Amino acid sequence: MSDIIREIEKGEAAKHKKAFPKFGIGDTVKVFVKVVEGNKTRTQAFEGTVIAENGSGISRTFTVRKISFDIGVERIFPYNSPKISKIEVKREGYVRRAKLYYLRDRVGKATKVKAKKIVKTTAKKRTRKTKKTESANE
């Protein structure tokens, strides 16, 4: 039975597949949502920290939290929602937890997540002079 459900979910996910950037827990993202007001549609941005991901398959969701006028606001977005027009990753965060629910109790700067450090490697090879090569040349 579960194999049949997985096949149906794969087909549905392929229909709703959008090219969103990869993001994880602790990242600061900006989600652009289509809002319908009467007969007009507009795009509304919601920028905050991803504090959780839930579910799998077509019912997968992510929770974004932001502080608006000193009040914490959380919004749950389905990955396959047609109302999401685009997602921008503003900042990658370094966290060691899968759920950041502890940020709900924090106030002010304590709600900040550390930024991920990017390590750049150089591809230059250095040649070292050894005693053997110096004595052979003399």
C-alpha atoms as a PDB file:
ATOM      1  CA  MET A   1       0.000   0.000   0.000  1.00  0.00           C
ATOM      2  CA  SER A   2       2.739   2.456   0.882  1.00  0.00           C
ATOM      3  CA  ASP A   3       4.484   1.761  -2.456  1.00  0.00           C
ATOM      4  CA  ILE A   4       1.392   2.935  -4.317  1.00  0.00           C
ATOM      5  CA  ILE A   5       1.236   6.114  -2.249  1.00  0.00           C
ATOM      6  CA  ARG A   6       4.935   6.804  -2.892  1.00  0.00           C
ATOM      7  CA  GLU A   7       4.433   6.450  -6.656  1.00  0.00           C
ATOM      8  CA  ILE A   8       1.496   8.864  -6.581  1.00  0.00           C
ATOM      9  CA  GLU A   9       3.505  11.343  -4.496  1.00  0.00           C
ATOM     10  CA  LYS A  10       6.431  11.161  -6.947  1.00  0.00           C
ATOM     11  CA  GLY A  11       4.099  12.012  -9.823  1.00  0.00           C
ATOM     12  CA  GLU A  12       2.522  14.898  -7.927  1.00  0.00           C
ATOM     13  CA  ALA A  13       5.901  16.219  -6.765  1.00  0.00           C
ATOM     14  CA  ALA A  14       7.166  16.197 -10.354  1.00  0.00           C
ATOM     15  CA  LYS A  15       4.203  18.373 -11.386  1.00  0.00           C
ATOM     16  CA  HIS A  16       4.852  20.949  -8.657  1.00  0.00           C
ATOM     17  CA  LYS A  17       8.656  20.827  -8.831  1.00  0.00           C
ATOM     18  CA  LYS A  18      10.225  24.284  -8.759  1.00  0.00           C
ATOM     19  CA  ALA A  19      13.892  25.213  -8.885  1.00  0.00           C
ATOM     20  CA  PHE A  20      14.270  26.603  -5.373  1.00  0.00           C
ATOM     21  CA  PRO A  21      17.759  26.950  -3.903  1.00  0.00           C
ATOM     22  CA  LYS A  22      18.857  24.457  -1.272  1.00  0.00           C
ATOM     23  CA  PHE A  23      18.560  25.754   2.255  1.00  0.00           C
ATOM     24  CA  GLY A  24      18.661  24.216   5.681  1.00  0.00           C
ATOM     25  CA  ILE A  25      17.854  24.780   9.301  1.00  0.00           C
ATOM     26  CA  GLY A  26      19.300  28.036  10.623  1.00  0.00           C
ATOM     27  CA  ASP A  27      19.466  29.730   7.225  1.00  0.00           C
ATOM     28  CA  THR A  28      17.915  33.154   6.766  1.00  0.00           C
ATOM     29  CA  VAL A  29      15.557  33.006   3.795  1.00  0.00           C
ATOM     30  CA  LYS A  30      13.207  35.374   2.033  1.00  0.00           C
ATOM     31  CA  VAL A  31      10.037  33.642   0.824  1.00  0.00           C
ATOM     32  CA  PHE A  32       7.920  35.419  -1.788  1.00  0.00           C
ATOM     33  CA  VAL A  33       4.256  34.423  -1.440  1.00  0.00           C
ATOM     34  CA  LYS A  34       1.403  35.199  -3.824  1.00  0.00           C
ATOM     35  CA  VAL A  35      -1.452  36.862  -1.919  1.00  0.00           C
ATOM     36  CA  VAL A  36      -4.952  37.212  -3.380  1.00  0.00           C
ATOM     37  CA  GLU A  37      -6.962  40.228  -2.208  1.00  0.00           C
ATOM     38  CA  GLY A  38     -10.319  40.473  -3.919  1.00  0.00           C
ATOM     39  CA  ASN A  39      -9.589  40.215  -7.628  1.00  0.00           C
ATOM     40  CA  LYS A  40      -5.956  41.400  -7.335  1.00  0.00           C
ATOM     41  CA  THR A  41      -2.879  39.298  -6.702  1.00  0.00           C
ATOM     42  CA  ARG A  42       0.372  40.612  -5.310  1.00  0.00           C
ATOM     43  CA  THR A  43       3.625  39.171  -4.007  1.00  0.00           C
ATOM     44  CA  GLN A  44       4.429  39.481  -0.319  1.00  0.00           C
ATOM     45  CA  ALA A  45       7.901  38.797   1.120  1.00  0.00           C
ATOM     46  CA  PHE A  46       8.433  36.977   4.414  1.00  0.00           C
ATOM     47  CA  GLU A  47      12.042  37.032   5.630  1.00  0.00           C
ATOM     48  CA  GLY A  48      13.205  35.063   8.632  1.00  0.00           C
ATOM     49  CA  THR A  49      15.170  32.119  10.011  1.00  0.00           C
ATOM     50  CA  VAL A  50      14.244  28.537   9.123  1.00  0.00           C
ATOM     51  CA  ILE A  51      13.646  26.862  12.486  1.00  0.00           C
ATOM     52  CA  ALA A  52      12.224  23.482  11.406  1.00  0.00           C
ATOM     53  CA  GLU A  53      11.495  21.101   8.557  1.00  0.00           C
ATOM     54  CA  ASN A  54       8.711  18.551   8.883  1.00  0.00           C
ATOM     55  CA  GLY A  55       7.319  15.683   6.870  1.00  0.00           C
ATOM     56  CA  SER A  56       8.524  14.009   3.720  1.00  0.00           C
ATOM     57  CA  GLY A  57       7.452  13.659   0.144  1.00  0.00           C
ATOM     58  CA  ILE A  58       4.725  15.923  -1.123  1.00  0.00           C
ATOM     59  CA  SER A  59       3.579  16.923   2.374  1.00  0.00           C
ATOM     60  CA  ARG A  60       6.991  18.333   3.378  1.00  0.00           C
ATOM     61  CA  THR A  61       6.951  21.737   5.103  1.00  0.00           C
ATOM     62  CA  PHE A  62       9.376  24.254   6.571  1.00  0.00           C
ATOM     63  CA  THR A  63       8.810  26.816   9.321  1.00  0.00           C
ATOM     64  CA  VAL A  64      10.198  30.361   9.103  1.00  0.00           C
ATOM     65  CA  ARG A  65      10.382  32.664  12.141  1.00  0.00           C
ATOM     66  CA  LYS A  66      10.892  36.416  12.205  1.00  0.00           C
ATOM     67  CA  ILE A  67      10.525  39.205  14.751  1.00  0.00           C
ATOM     68  CA  SER A  68       8.061  41.883  13.654  1.00  0.00           C
ATOM     69  CA  PHE A  69       7.576  44.918  15.914  1.00  0.00           C
ATOM     70  CA  ASP A  70       8.923  42.990  18.943  1.00  0.00           C
ATOM     71  CA  ILE A  71       6.527  40.093  18.351  1.00  0.00           C
ATOM     72  CA  GLY A  72       7.671  36.700  17.088  1.00  0.00           C
ATOM     73  CA  VAL A  73       5.868  35.561  13.940  1.00  0.00           C
ATOM     74  CA  GLU A  74       6.136  32.028  12.563  1.00  0.00           C
ATOM     75  CA  ARG A  75       4.788  30.822   9.271  1.00  0.00           C
ATOM     76  CA  ILE A  76       4.680  27.270   7.926  1.00  0.00           C
ATOM     77  CA  PHE A  77       5.192  26.848   4.176  1.00  0.00           C
ATOM     78  CA  PRO A  78       4.668  23.649   2.166  1.00  0.00           C
ATOM     79  CA  TYR A  79       7.572  22.976  -0.218  1.00  0.00           C
ATOM     80  CA  ASN A  80       5.222  22.166  -3.083  1.00  0.00           C
ATOM     81  CA  SER A  81       2.879  25.115  -2.594  1.00  0.00           C
ATOM     82  CA  PRO A  82       1.856  26.923  -5.788  1.00  0.00           C
ATOM     83  CA  LYS A  83       1.569  30.130  -3.726  1.00  0.00           C
ATOM     84  CA  ILE A  84       5.355  30.353  -3.284  1.00  0.00           C
ATOM     85  CA  SER A  85       6.780  32.236  -6.254  1.00  0.00           C
ATOM     86  CA  LYS A  86      10.455  32.172  -5.215  1.00  0.00           C
ATOM     87  CA  ILE A  87      12.817  31.689  -2.294  1.00  0.00           C
ATOM     88  CA  GLU A  88      16.073  33.584  -1.740  1.00  0.00           C
ATOM     89  CA  VAL A  89      18.738  32.432   0.710  1.00  0.00           C
ATOM     90  CA  LYS A  90      20.088  35.563   2.394  1.00  0.00           C
ATOM     91  CA  ARG A  91      22.503  33.971   4.868  1.00  0.00           C
ATOM     92  CA  GLU A  92      23.594  30.452   5.761  1.00  0.00           C
ATOM     93  CA  GLY A  93      23.560  29.674   9.451  1.00  0.00           C
ATOM     94  CA  TYR A  94      25.630  27.252  11.500  1.00  0.00           C
ATOM     95  CA  VAL A  95      23.498  25.196  13.896  1.00  0.00           C
ATOM     96  CA  ARG A  96      23.827  21.833  15.591  1.00  0.00           C
ATOM     97  CA  ARG A  97      20.128  21.061  15.996  1.00  0.00           C
ATOM     98  CA  ALA A  98      17.366  19.922  13.655  1.00  0.00           C
ATOM     99  CA  LYS A  99      14.719  22.020  15.397  1.00  0.00           C
ATOM    100  CA  LEU A 100      15.433  25.519  16.657  1.00  0.00           C
ATOM    101  CA  TYR A 101      12.381  25.852  18.892  1.00  0.00           C
ATOM    102  CA  TYR A 102      14.582  27.240  21.669  1.00  0.00           C
ATOM    103  CA  LEU A 103      14.749  30.525  19.713  1.00  0.00           C
ATOM    104  CA  ARG A 104      11.121  31.154  20.729  1.00  0.00           C
ATOM    105  CA  ASP A 105      12.194  31.861  24.314  1.00  0.00           C
ATOM    106  CA  ARG A 106      15.047  34.188  23.377  1.00  0.00           C
ATOM    107  CA  VAL A 107      14.843  37.959  23.043  1.00  0.00           C
ATOM    108  CA  GLY A 108      16.920  40.488  21.112  1.00  0.00           C
ATOM    109  CA  LYS A 109      20.361  39.563  19.837  1.00  0.00           C
ATOM    110  CA  ALA A 110      20.131  36.134  21.471  1.00  0.00           C
ATOM    111  CA  THR A 111      17.862  35.064  18.593  1.00  0.00           C
ATOM    112  CA  LYS A 112      20.715  35.426  16.085  1.00  0.00           C
ATOM    113  CA  VAL A 113      22.165  32.276  14.548  1.00  0.00           C
ATOM    114  CA  LYS A 114      25.908  32.127  13.873  1.00  0.00           C
ATOM    115  CA  ALA A 115      26.931  32.431  10.234  1.00  0.00           C
ATOM    116  CA  LYS A 116      28.485  29.475   8.480  1.00  0.00           C
ATOM    117  CA  LYS A 117      32.208  29.915   7.879  1.00  0.00           C
ATOM    118  CA  ILE A 118      33.342  29.492   4.293  1.00  0.00           C
ATOM    119  CA  VAL A 119      36.791  27.987   3.932  1.00  0.00           C
ATOM    120  CA  LYS A 120      38.637  28.762   0.707  1.00  0.00           C
ATOM    121  CA  THR A 121      41.388  26.422  -0.402  1.00  0.00           C
ATOM    122  CA  THR A 122      44.137  27.416  -2.795  1.00  0.00           C
ATOM    123  CA  ALA A 123      45.299  25.084  -5.527  1.00  0.00           C
ATOM    124  CA  LYS A 124      48.903  26.346  -5.665  1.00  0.00           C
ATOM    125  CA  LYS A 125      51.608  23.768  -5.255  1.00  0.00           C
ATOM    126  CA  ARG A 126      54.765  24.903  -3.563  1.00  0.00           C
ATOM    127  CA  THR A 127      58.121  23.434  -4.394  1.00  0.00           C
ATOM    128  CA  ARG A 128      60.362  22.952  -1.425  1.00  0.00           C
ATOM    129  CA  LYS A 129      64.119  22.893  -1.575  1.00  0.00           C
ATOM    130  CA  THR A 130      65.604  20.025   0.326  1.00  0.00           C
ATOM    131  CA  LYS A 131      69.170  19.460   1.403  1.00  0.00           C
ATOM    132  CA  LYS A 132      69.584  16.600  -1.059  1.00  0.00           C
ATOM    133  CA  THR A 133      68.713  18.705  -4.118  1.00  0.00           C
ATOM    134  CA  GLU A 134      70.968  21.566  -3.017  1.00  0.00           C
ATOM    135  CA  SER A 135      73.987  19.310  -2.432  1.00  0.00           C
ATOM    136  CA  ALA A 136      73.468  17.515  -5.763  1.00  0.00           C
ATOM    137  CA  ASN A 137      73.543  20.822  -7.666  1.00  0.00           C
ATOM    138  CA  GLU A 138      76.860  21.916  -6.129  1.00  0.00           C
END
